[in-house]
Protein backbone atom coordinates (compact mmCIF):
# COMPACT_ATOMS: atom_id res chain seq x y z
CA UNK A 1 13.28 10.16 21.88
CA UNK A 2 10.46 11.41 19.66
CA UNK A 3 9.97 9.87 16.25
CA UNK A 4 9.35 11.99 13.18
CA UNK A 5 5.71 12.50 12.21
CA UNK A 6 4.46 10.13 9.54
CA UNK A 7 2.44 11.65 6.71
CA UNK A 8 0.31 9.08 4.91
CA UNK A 9 -1.76 9.24 1.77
CA UNK A 10 -5.15 7.69 1.13
CA UNK A 11 -7.06 8.31 -2.08
CA UNK A 12 -10.83 7.97 -1.76
CA UNK A 13 -12.29 7.49 -5.24
CA UNK A 14 -15.82 6.83 -3.97
CA UNK A 15 -17.35 5.53 -0.74
CA UNK A 16 -15.57 2.26 0.01
CA UNK A 17 -13.31 2.59 -3.04
CA UNK A 18 -9.93 3.68 -1.74
CA UNK A 19 -6.24 3.16 -2.14
CA UNK A 20 -3.95 3.75 0.80
CA UNK A 21 -0.60 2.73 2.22
CA UNK A 22 -1.72 -0.77 3.23
CA UNK A 23 -2.86 -1.75 -0.24
CA UNK A 24 0.24 -0.14 -1.75
CA UNK A 25 2.43 -2.09 0.68
CA UNK A 26 0.62 -5.30 -0.31
CA UNK A 27 1.21 -4.59 -4.01
CA UNK A 28 4.86 -3.91 -3.25
CA UNK A 29 5.09 -7.17 -1.30
CA UNK A 30 3.57 -9.13 -4.17
CA UNK A 31 6.01 -7.49 -6.57
CA UNK A 32 8.95 -8.33 -4.31
CA UNK A 33 7.98 -11.87 -3.29
CA UNK A 34 5.95 -13.16 -6.23
CA UNK A 35 3.35 -14.41 -3.75
CA UNK A 36 0.15 -13.04 -2.23
CA UNK A 37 0.61 -15.28 0.83
CA UNK A 38 4.23 -14.19 1.35
CA UNK A 39 3.33 -10.54 0.88
CA UNK A 40 0.55 -10.89 3.45
CA UNK A 41 2.85 -12.68 5.92
CA UNK A 42 5.42 -9.93 5.52
CA UNK A 43 2.74 -7.48 6.66
CA UNK A 44 1.41 -9.71 9.47
CA UNK A 45 -1.77 -10.29 7.50
CA UNK A 46 -3.67 -13.51 6.99
CA UNK A 47 -3.73 -15.15 3.57
CA UNK A 48 -7.49 -14.66 3.43
CA UNK A 49 -7.20 -10.92 4.16
CA UNK A 50 -4.44 -10.47 1.57
CA UNK A 51 -6.53 -12.27 -1.07
CA UNK A 52 -9.58 -10.18 -0.21
CA UNK A 53 -7.59 -6.96 -0.66
CA UNK A 54 -6.18 -8.17 -3.99
CA UNK A 55 -9.69 -9.02 -5.20
CA UNK A 56 -10.90 -5.59 -4.05
CA UNK A 57 -8.09 -3.81 -5.90
CA UNK A 58 -8.59 -5.92 -9.03
CA UNK A 59 -12.28 -4.95 -9.04
CA UNK A 60 -11.55 -1.24 -8.42
CA UNK A 61 -9.62 -0.59 -11.60
CA UNK A 62 -10.39 -1.11 -15.29
CA UNK A 63 -7.67 -3.76 -15.47
CA UNK A 64 -6.53 -6.21 -12.77
CA UNK A 65 -3.50 -5.13 -10.74
CA UNK A 66 -2.44 -8.66 -9.77
CA UNK A 67 -2.53 -11.96 -11.62
CA UNK A 68 -2.02 -15.28 -9.91
CA UNK A 69 -1.54 -18.93 -10.76
CA UNK A 70 -2.69 -21.83 -8.63
CA UNK A 71 -0.23 -23.80 -6.58
CA UNK A 72 0.71 -27.35 -7.33
CA UNK A 73 3.85 -29.26 -8.09
CA UNK A 74 5.55 -26.21 -9.61
CA UNK A 75 4.02 -23.92 -7.00
CA UNK A 76 1.76 -20.98 -7.55
CA UNK A 77 2.63 -17.39 -7.72
CA UNK A 78 1.43 -13.87 -8.26
CA UNK A 79 2.71 -10.83 -10.04
CA UNK A 80 1.74 -7.26 -10.69
CA UNK A 81 0.30 -6.53 -14.09
CA UNK A 82 1.45 -3.47 -16.03
CA UNK A 83 -1.55 -1.66 -14.52
CA UNK A 84 -0.51 -2.79 -11.04
CA UNK A 85 3.02 -1.52 -11.59
CA UNK A 86 1.64 1.82 -12.84
CA UNK A 87 -0.75 2.18 -9.89
CA UNK A 88 1.99 1.37 -7.36
CA UNK A 89 4.47 3.75 -8.99
CA UNK A 90 1.92 6.59 -9.17
CA UNK A 91 0.93 6.09 -5.52
CA UNK A 92 4.56 6.10 -4.32
CA UNK A 93 5.28 9.27 -6.34
CA UNK A 94 2.23 10.94 -4.79
CA UNK A 95 3.42 9.91 -1.30
CA UNK A 96 6.88 11.36 -1.92
CA UNK A 97 5.43 14.62 -3.23
CA UNK A 98 3.08 14.89 -0.26
CA UNK A 99 5.90 14.40 2.24
CA UNK A 100 8.20 16.83 0.46
CA UNK A 101 5.62 19.56 -0.14
CA UNK A 102 4.20 19.41 3.39
CA UNK A 103 7.52 19.38 5.29
CA UNK A 104 7.19 23.01 6.41
CA UNK A 105 3.63 22.55 7.65
CA UNK A 106 4.56 19.32 9.44
CA UNK A 107 7.40 21.19 11.18
CA UNK A 108 4.92 23.89 12.27
CA UNK A 109 2.44 21.33 13.60
CA UNK A 110 5.21 19.45 15.40
CA UNK A 111 6.54 22.62 16.99
CA UNK A 112 3.07 23.41 18.35
CA UNK A 113 2.45 19.98 19.88
CA UNK A 114 2.07 19.75 23.62
CA UNK A 115 5.26 18.28 25.13
CA UNK A 116 5.00 14.61 26.06
CA UNK A 117 4.05 14.07 29.67
CA UNK A 118 1.97 17.25 30.00
């Protein structure tokens, strides 16, 4: 059985300054779990890698996308700022529009693919 093609979005603002599905998924995970570590684990990513991506995203935009508090007796946590929520929402809307508006072209490309096994 063939799976449907996956259209993904990546926005390149400048060399090395980009936002794509992985960073959006990490933001979504932080929003859902309240934790950078838990969001990273959910994606199969190390804590160090998740933190590095959060720091990268926080530095990319005029305002931080994620705030965090240190662990301890009460435990730490992380949450999206208003800017982080706006960035995530805008990215997801762009993804939906891309998938919807390109459905015909994706169907054409899929129809013209060489059959598997050839």
